[in-house]
Amino acid sequence: MFQRVLLVDPATGFYKTKKYGFDRYFGPVDLGIHLTEEYRSLNFGVGIFAGSIFPGSNRLVLTGFSPCWQGYYISSMGGAGLVFDNLGINMLSLVGKAPVPSVLYLNRSHGEEIEVEVVPIDVEAVWKTGRTGVYSLTDRVYELFGQRYENDPRILVAGPAAMHTDMAVSCRSPSARARSVSWIPGPAGAASAAPWSGSTVSWRSSTAARW
């Protein structure tokens, strides 16, 4: 038994996976803090019971260093951990920061290999179009990557406040096509805004159930 972590450098697109045994790390909190210490990363993870019927098992746990609190910070989003369902990893660790706002695309169709791609996007322009804000960004990400999935993708996006505030809120973003979660990150309500600010994550397994 082990926890599988996908480490991604958004600046270069380089990625690798590492396995951590339960003899030292038991879940997304202690493992996330360890990764923060080692890589100064922002980590999104779930526990080993994610995808089950146990209450609270599908929370998405975020860990990292908060420049607002000047220390480690732990936050979570209820039910958002289902984005990892059948993706083949327990945690995503962002090491560093993309030079421009980008979409991080993750997908697993067969076997253990995960497709990883970092795609720059003019997020300021997208936020001003269509339904505006997180809604228009959700729609744009779906247009770019929706056809790559066998089922509707799960999309995690940031809103305009990610560029201009150190506060954070989270919400569900309704979409006629994609199952999405909208997150406006900041050090007050999440681990750290620095490696995330203005970026978008789109991930899921092609065979995962909808939520």
C-alpha atoms as a PDB file:
ATOM      1  CA  MET A   1       0.000   0.000   0.000  1.00  0.00           C
ATOM      2  CA  PHE A   2       1.293   3.432  -0.903  1.00  0.00           C
ATOM      3  CA  GLN A   3       0.186   6.918  -1.870  1.00  0.00           C
ATOM      4  CA  ARG A   4       0.992   8.019  -5.403  1.00  0.00           C
ATOM      5  CA  VAL A   5       1.868  11.679  -5.949  1.00  0.00           C
ATOM      6  CA  LEU A   6       2.057  13.467  -9.296  1.00  0.00           C
ATOM      7  CA  LEU A   7       4.561  16.336  -9.122  1.00  0.00           C
ATOM      8  CA  VAL A   8       4.223  18.924 -11.885  1.00  0.00           C
ATOM      9  CA  ASP A   9       6.402  21.952 -12.610  1.00  0.00           C
ATOM     10  CA  PRO A  10       3.999  24.392 -14.338  1.00  0.00           C
ATOM     11  CA  ALA A  11       6.910  26.475 -15.614  1.00  0.00           C
ATOM     12  CA  THR A  12       8.388  23.692 -17.754  1.00  0.00           C
ATOM     13  CA  GLY A  13       5.668  21.045 -17.980  1.00  0.00           C
ATOM     14  CA  PHE A  14       8.071  18.525 -16.439  1.00  0.00           C
ATOM     15  CA  TYR A  15       6.341  15.935 -14.262  1.00  0.00           C
ATOM     16  CA  LYS A  16       7.073  12.756 -12.382  1.00  0.00           C
ATOM     17  CA  THR A  17       5.318  10.425  -9.967  1.00  0.00           C
ATOM     18  CA  LYS A  18       6.562   9.347  -6.555  1.00  0.00           C
ATOM     19  CA  LYS A  19       5.248   6.700  -4.181  1.00  0.00           C
ATOM     20  CA  TYR A  20       5.080   7.159  -0.417  1.00  0.00           C
ATOM     21  CA  GLY A  21       4.433   4.274   1.940  1.00  0.00           C
ATOM     22  CA  PHE A  22       2.030   4.367   4.873  1.00  0.00           C
ATOM     23  CA  ASP A  23       4.843   3.548   7.270  1.00  0.00           C
ATOM     24  CA  ARG A  24       5.541   7.296   7.444  1.00  0.00           C
ATOM     25  CA  TYR A  25       2.660   9.252   5.878  1.00  0.00           C
ATOM     26  CA  PHE A  26      -0.975   8.441   6.521  1.00  0.00           C
ATOM     27  CA  GLY A  27      -2.933  10.892   4.392  1.00  0.00           C
ATOM     28  CA  PRO A  28      -3.084  14.171   2.461  1.00  0.00           C
ATOM     29  CA  VAL A  29      -2.284  16.396   5.455  1.00  0.00           C
ATOM     30  CA  ASP A  30       1.004  14.964   6.722  1.00  0.00           C
ATOM     31  CA  LEU A  31       2.154  13.989   3.230  1.00  0.00           C
ATOM     32  CA  GLY A  32       1.209  17.425   1.911  1.00  0.00           C
ATOM     33  CA  ILE A  33       3.176  19.173   4.641  1.00  0.00           C
ATOM     34  CA  HIS A  34       6.175  16.965   3.881  1.00  0.00           C
ATOM     35  CA  LEU A  35       5.993  17.905   0.188  1.00  0.00           C
ATOM     36  CA  THR A  36       5.683  21.581   1.114  1.00  0.00           C
ATOM     37  CA  GLU A  37       8.834  21.301   3.219  1.00  0.00           C
ATOM     38  CA  GLU A  38      10.732  19.545   0.445  1.00  0.00           C
ATOM     39  CA  TYR A  39       9.496  21.397  -2.647  1.00  0.00           C
ATOM     40  CA  ARG A  40       7.678  24.502  -1.366  1.00  0.00           C
ATOM     41  CA  SER A  41       4.755  23.162  -3.380  1.00  0.00           C
ATOM     42  CA  LEU A  42       0.986  23.618  -3.383  1.00  0.00           C
ATOM     43  CA  ASN A  43      -0.669  20.220  -2.937  1.00  0.00           C
ATOM     44  CA  PHE A  44      -4.140  18.877  -3.711  1.00  0.00           C
ATOM     45  CA  GLY A  45      -4.838  15.458  -2.229  1.00  0.00           C
ATOM     46  CA  VAL A  46      -7.310  12.889  -0.982  1.00  0.00           C
ATOM     47  CA  GLY A  47      -7.184  10.057   1.526  1.00  0.00           C
ATOM     48  CA  ILE A  48      -7.207   6.342   0.788  1.00  0.00           C
ATOM     49  CA  PHE A  49     -10.988   6.116   1.284  1.00  0.00           C
ATOM     50  CA  ALA A  50     -11.749   8.686  -1.435  1.00  0.00           C
ATOM     51  CA  GLY A  51     -14.462   7.462  -3.753  1.00  0.00           C
ATOM     52  CA  SER A  52     -16.145   5.476  -0.998  1.00  0.00           C
ATOM     53  CA  ILE A  53     -19.395   6.062   0.870  1.00  0.00           C
ATOM     54  CA  PHE A  54     -17.643   7.115   4.097  1.00  0.00           C
ATOM     55  CA  PRO A  55     -18.759  10.619   5.133  1.00  0.00           C
ATOM     56  CA  GLY A  56     -16.081  13.207   4.462  1.00  0.00           C
ATOM     57  CA  SER A  57     -13.862  10.815   2.521  1.00  0.00           C
ATOM     58  CA  ASN A  58     -14.222  12.791  -0.702  1.00  0.00           C
ATOM     59  CA  ARG A  59     -12.991  16.123   0.604  1.00  0.00           C
ATOM     60  CA  LEU A  60     -10.161  17.668  -1.385  1.00  0.00           C
ATOM     61  CA  VAL A  61      -7.370  18.638   1.022  1.00  0.00           C
ATOM     62  CA  LEU A  62      -5.013  21.495   0.153  1.00  0.00           C
ATOM     63  CA  THR A  63      -1.661  22.043   1.829  1.00  0.00           C
ATOM     64  CA  GLY A  64       1.153  24.503   1.319  1.00  0.00           C
ATOM     65  CA  PHE A  65       2.928  27.537   2.699  1.00  0.00           C
ATOM     66  CA  SER A  66       0.780  30.629   3.215  1.00  0.00           C
ATOM     67  CA  PRO A  67       2.547  33.988   2.749  1.00  0.00           C
ATOM     68  CA  CYS A  68      -0.441  35.515   4.552  1.00  0.00           C
ATOM     69  CA  TRP A  69      -0.029  33.369   7.672  1.00  0.00           C
ATOM     70  CA  GLN A  70       3.763  32.944   7.275  1.00  0.00           C
ATOM     71  CA  GLY A  71       3.474  29.238   7.893  1.00  0.00           C
ATOM     72  CA  TYR A  72       1.909  26.000   6.707  1.00  0.00           C
ATOM     73  CA  TYR A  73      -1.772  26.149   5.905  1.00  0.00           C
ATOM     74  CA  ILE A  74      -4.347  23.398   5.469  1.00  0.00           C
ATOM     75  CA  SER A  75      -7.690  23.861   3.754  1.00  0.00           C
ATOM     76  CA  SER A  76     -10.300  21.609   2.152  1.00  0.00           C
ATOM     77  CA  MET A  77     -13.254  21.556  -0.233  1.00  0.00           C
ATOM     78  CA  GLY A  78     -16.168  19.225   0.424  1.00  0.00           C
ATOM     79  CA  GLY A  79     -16.735  16.613  -2.293  1.00  0.00           C
ATOM     80  CA  ALA A  80     -14.137  18.102  -4.653  1.00  0.00           C
ATOM     81  CA  GLY A  81     -11.819  15.137  -4.033  1.00  0.00           C
ATOM     82  CA  LEU A  82     -13.884  13.122  -6.486  1.00  0.00           C
ATOM     83  CA  VAL A  83     -11.845  14.745  -9.277  1.00  0.00           C
ATOM     84  CA  PHE A  84      -9.208  12.137  -8.365  1.00  0.00           C
ATOM     85  CA  ASP A  85     -11.600   9.218  -8.796  1.00  0.00           C
ATOM     86  CA  ASN A  86      -9.873   6.639 -11.018  1.00  0.00           C
ATOM     87  CA  LEU A  87      -7.162   9.112 -12.009  1.00  0.00           C
ATOM     88  CA  GLY A  88      -4.580   6.829 -10.421  1.00  0.00           C
ATOM     89  CA  ILE A  89      -3.046   9.310  -7.982  1.00  0.00           C
ATOM     90  CA  ASN A  90      -3.699  10.393  -4.410  1.00  0.00           C
ATOM     91  CA  MET A  91      -2.188  13.839  -4.712  1.00  0.00           C
ATOM     92  CA  LEU A  92      -1.244  16.522  -7.225  1.00  0.00           C
ATOM     93  CA  SER A  93       1.724  18.671  -6.219  1.00  0.00           C
ATOM     94  CA  LEU A  94       2.429  21.935  -8.082  1.00  0.00           C
ATOM     95  CA  VAL A  95       6.121  22.740  -7.788  1.00  0.00           C
ATOM     96  CA  GLY A  96       6.827  26.299  -8.868  1.00  0.00           C
ATOM     97  CA  LYS A  97       4.709  28.683 -10.918  1.00  0.00           C
ATOM     98  CA  ALA A  98       3.755  28.996 -14.562  1.00  0.00           C
ATOM     99  CA  PRO A  99       5.204  32.160 -16.181  1.00  0.00           C
ATOM    100  CA  VAL A 100       1.736  33.068 -17.502  1.00  0.00           C
ATOM    101  CA  PRO A 101      -1.809  31.922 -16.614  1.00  0.00           C
ATOM    102  CA  SER A 102      -2.193  28.375 -17.907  1.00  0.00           C
ATOM    103  CA  VAL A 103      -4.424  25.346 -18.009  1.00  0.00           C
ATOM    104  CA  LEU A 104      -3.067  22.160 -16.463  1.00  0.00           C
ATOM    105  CA  TYR A 105      -4.634  19.225 -18.295  1.00  0.00           C
ATOM    106  CA  LEU A 106      -4.605  15.750 -16.706  1.00  0.00           C
ATOM    107  CA  ASN A 107      -6.186  12.620 -18.115  1.00  0.00           C
ATOM    108  CA  ARG A 108      -5.805   8.856 -17.712  1.00  0.00           C
ATOM    109  CA  SER A 109      -7.410   6.608 -20.282  1.00  0.00           C
ATOM    110  CA  HIS A 110      -5.614   3.299 -19.837  1.00  0.00           C
ATOM    111  CA  GLY A 111      -2.973   1.803 -17.563  1.00  0.00           C
ATOM    112  CA  GLU A 112      -1.077   3.917 -15.058  1.00  0.00           C
ATOM    113  CA  GLU A 113       0.192   6.611 -17.435  1.00  0.00           C
ATOM    114  CA  ILE A 114      -1.334  10.077 -16.976  1.00  0.00           C
ATOM    115  CA  GLU A 115      -1.392  12.622 -19.785  1.00  0.00           C
ATOM    116  CA  VAL A 116      -0.018  15.951 -18.535  1.00  0.00           C
ATOM    117  CA  GLU A 117      -0.051  19.188 -20.504  1.00  0.00           C
ATOM    118  CA  VAL A 118       0.411  22.840 -19.525  1.00  0.00           C
ATOM    119  CA  VAL A 119      -1.330  25.201 -21.950  1.00  0.00           C
ATOM    120  CA  PRO A 120      -1.042  29.033 -21.670  1.00  0.00           C
ATOM    121  CA  ILE A 121      -4.334  30.930 -21.859  1.00  0.00           C
ATOM    122  CA  ASP A 122      -5.296  34.611 -22.026  1.00  0.00           C
ATOM    123  CA  VAL A 123      -7.333  34.331 -18.858  1.00  0.00           C
ATOM    124  CA  GLU A 124      -8.039  38.061 -18.471  1.00  0.00           C
ATOM    125  CA  ALA A 125      -9.696  38.132 -21.894  1.00  0.00           C
ATOM    126  CA  VAL A 126     -11.662  34.944 -21.261  1.00  0.00           C
ATOM    127  CA  TRP A 127     -13.006  36.235 -17.941  1.00  0.00           C
ATOM    128  CA  LYS A 128     -14.601  39.189 -19.785  1.00  0.00           C
ATOM    129  CA  THR A 129     -16.421  37.097 -22.409  1.00  0.00           C
ATOM    130  CA  GLY A 130     -19.611  35.055 -22.412  1.00  0.00           C
ATOM    131  CA  ARG A 131     -21.006  34.444 -18.924  1.00  0.00           C
ATOM    132  CA  THR A 132     -17.884  36.201 -17.528  1.00  0.00           C
ATOM    133  CA  GLY A 133     -15.632  35.216 -14.650  1.00  0.00           C
ATOM    134  CA  VAL A 134     -15.324  31.600 -13.573  1.00  0.00           C
ATOM    135  CA  TYR A 135     -18.305  30.643 -15.718  1.00  0.00           C
ATOM    136  CA  SER A 136     -16.733  31.802 -18.979  1.00  0.00           C
ATOM    137  CA  LEU A 137     -13.414  30.211 -18.019  1.00  0.00           C
ATOM    138  CA  THR A 138     -15.167  26.911 -17.305  1.00  0.00           C
ATOM    139  CA  ASP A 139     -16.807  27.092 -20.740  1.00  0.00           C
ATOM    140  CA  ARG A 140     -13.505  27.903 -22.448  1.00  0.00           C
ATOM    141  CA  VAL A 141     -11.647  25.030 -20.804  1.00  0.00           C
ATOM    142  CA  TYR A 142     -14.447  22.674 -21.806  1.00  0.00           C
ATOM    143  CA  GLU A 143     -14.220  23.877 -25.414  1.00  0.00           C
ATOM    144  CA  LEU A 144     -10.456  23.277 -25.462  1.00  0.00           C
ATOM    145  CA  PHE A 145     -10.337  19.887 -23.743  1.00  0.00           C
ATOM    146  CA  GLY A 146     -13.839  18.437 -23.421  1.00  0.00           C
ATOM    147  CA  GLN A 147     -13.543  16.333 -26.573  1.00  0.00           C
ATOM    148  CA  ARG A 148     -10.484  14.533 -25.183  1.00  0.00           C
ATOM    149  CA  TYR A 149     -12.542  12.750 -22.528  1.00  0.00           C
ATOM    150  CA  GLU A 150     -14.868   9.798 -22.919  1.00  0.00           C
ATOM    151  CA  ASN A 151     -17.250  11.447 -20.427  1.00  0.00           C
ATOM    152  CA  ASP A 152     -17.688  15.040 -19.250  1.00  0.00           C
ATOM    153  CA  PRO A 153     -14.494  16.402 -17.671  1.00  0.00           C
ATOM    154  CA  ARG A 154     -14.200  17.799 -14.169  1.00  0.00           C
ATOM    155  CA  ILE A 155     -12.839  21.305 -14.159  1.00  0.00           C
ATOM    156  CA  LEU A 156     -11.312  23.351 -11.346  1.00  0.00           C
ATOM    157  CA  VAL A 157     -10.935  27.034 -12.219  1.00  0.00           C
ATOM    158  CA  ALA A 158      -9.873  30.324 -10.643  1.00  0.00           C
ATOM    159  CA  GLY A 159     -11.802  33.580 -10.952  1.00  0.00           C
ATOM    160  CA  PRO A 160     -10.611  37.181 -11.495  1.00  0.00           C
ATOM    161  CA  ALA A 161     -10.063  37.710  -7.772  1.00  0.00           C
ATOM    162  CA  ALA A 162      -7.159  35.248  -7.949  1.00  0.00           C
ATOM    163  CA  MET A 163      -5.152  38.018  -9.602  1.00  0.00           C
ATOM    164  CA  HIS A 164      -6.093  40.819  -7.241  1.00  0.00           C
ATOM    165  CA  THR A 165      -6.726  39.559  -3.702  1.00  0.00           C
ATOM    166  CA  ASP A 166      -5.172  37.507  -0.925  1.00  0.00           C
ATOM    167  CA  MET A 167      -8.561  36.168   0.176  1.00  0.00           C
ATOM    168  CA  ALA A 168     -10.230  32.982  -1.018  1.00  0.00           C
ATOM    169  CA  VAL A 169     -13.654  31.505  -1.535  1.00  0.00           C
ATOM    170  CA  SER A 170     -14.832  28.287  -3.139  1.00  0.00           C
ATOM    171  CA  CYS A 171     -18.047  27.486  -4.951  1.00  0.00           C
ATOM    172  CA  ARG A 172     -19.638  25.036  -7.323  1.00  0.00           C
ATOM    173  CA  SER A 173     -19.901  26.368 -10.850  1.00  0.00           C
ATOM    174  CA  PRO A 174     -22.971  25.054 -12.699  1.00  0.00           C
ATOM    175  CA  SER A 175     -22.365  24.070 -16.292  1.00  0.00           C
ATOM    176  CA  ALA A 176     -24.637  22.473 -18.832  1.00  0.00           C
ATOM    177  CA  ARG A 177     -21.777  20.319 -20.070  1.00  0.00           C
ATOM    178  CA  ALA A 178     -18.959  19.965 -17.551  1.00  0.00           C
ATOM    179  CA  ARG A 179     -18.949  19.051 -13.885  1.00  0.00           C
ATOM    180  CA  SER A 180     -16.907  21.861 -12.430  1.00  0.00           C
ATOM    181  CA  VAL A 181     -15.675  23.441  -9.247  1.00  0.00           C
ATOM    182  CA  SER A 182     -14.696  27.102  -9.148  1.00  0.00           C
ATOM    183  CA  TRP A 183     -12.059  28.214  -6.692  1.00  0.00           C
ATOM    184  CA  ILE A 184     -10.735  31.698  -6.075  1.00  0.00           C
ATOM    185  CA  PRO A 185      -7.511  30.931  -4.203  1.00  0.00           C
ATOM    186  CA  GLY A 186      -5.492  33.025  -1.802  1.00  0.00           C
ATOM    187  CA  PRO A 187      -3.310  32.505   1.242  1.00  0.00           C
ATOM    188  CA  ALA A 188      -6.091  33.366   3.669  1.00  0.00           C
ATOM    189  CA  GLY A 189      -8.262  30.461   2.626  1.00  0.00           C
ATOM    190  CA  ALA A 190      -5.842  28.102   0.966  1.00  0.00           C
ATOM    191  CA  ALA A 191      -2.242  27.087   1.087  1.00  0.00           C
ATOM    192  CA  SER A 192      -0.632  29.684  -1.128  1.00  0.00           C
ATOM    193  CA  ALA A 193      -1.637  31.916  -3.996  1.00  0.00           C
ATOM    194  CA  ALA A 194       1.868  32.196  -5.432  1.00  0.00           C
ATOM    195  CA  PRO A 195       2.177  28.964  -7.450  1.00  0.00           C
ATOM    196  CA  TRP A 196      -1.489  28.952  -8.453  1.00  0.00           C
ATOM    197  CA  SER A 197      -2.468  32.532  -9.203  1.00  0.00           C
ATOM    198  CA  GLY A 198      -4.409  32.810 -12.424  1.00  0.00           C
ATOM    199  CA  SER A 199      -4.060  29.180 -13.435  1.00  0.00           C
ATOM    200  CA  THR A 200      -6.672  26.593 -14.219  1.00  0.00           C
ATOM    201  CA  VAL A 201      -6.694  22.874 -13.611  1.00  0.00           C
ATOM    202  CA  SER A 202      -8.696  20.438 -15.722  1.00  0.00           C
ATOM    203  CA  TRP A 203      -8.388  16.812 -14.747  1.00  0.00           C
ATOM    204  CA  ARG A 204     -10.226  13.554 -14.401  1.00  0.00           C
ATOM    205  CA  SER A 205     -10.053   9.975 -15.546  1.00  0.00           C
ATOM    206  CA  SER A 206     -11.856   9.143 -18.754  1.00  0.00           C
ATOM    207  CA  THR A 207     -13.614   6.287 -16.975  1.00  0.00           C
ATOM    208  CA  ALA A 208     -14.462   8.033 -13.711  1.00  0.00           C
ATOM    209  CA  ALA A 209     -18.089   8.412 -12.731  1.00  0.00           C
ATOM    210  CA  ARG A 210     -19.701  11.833 -12.871  1.00  0.00           C
ATOM    211  CA  TRP A 211     -20.401  13.764  -9.699  1.00  0.00           C
END
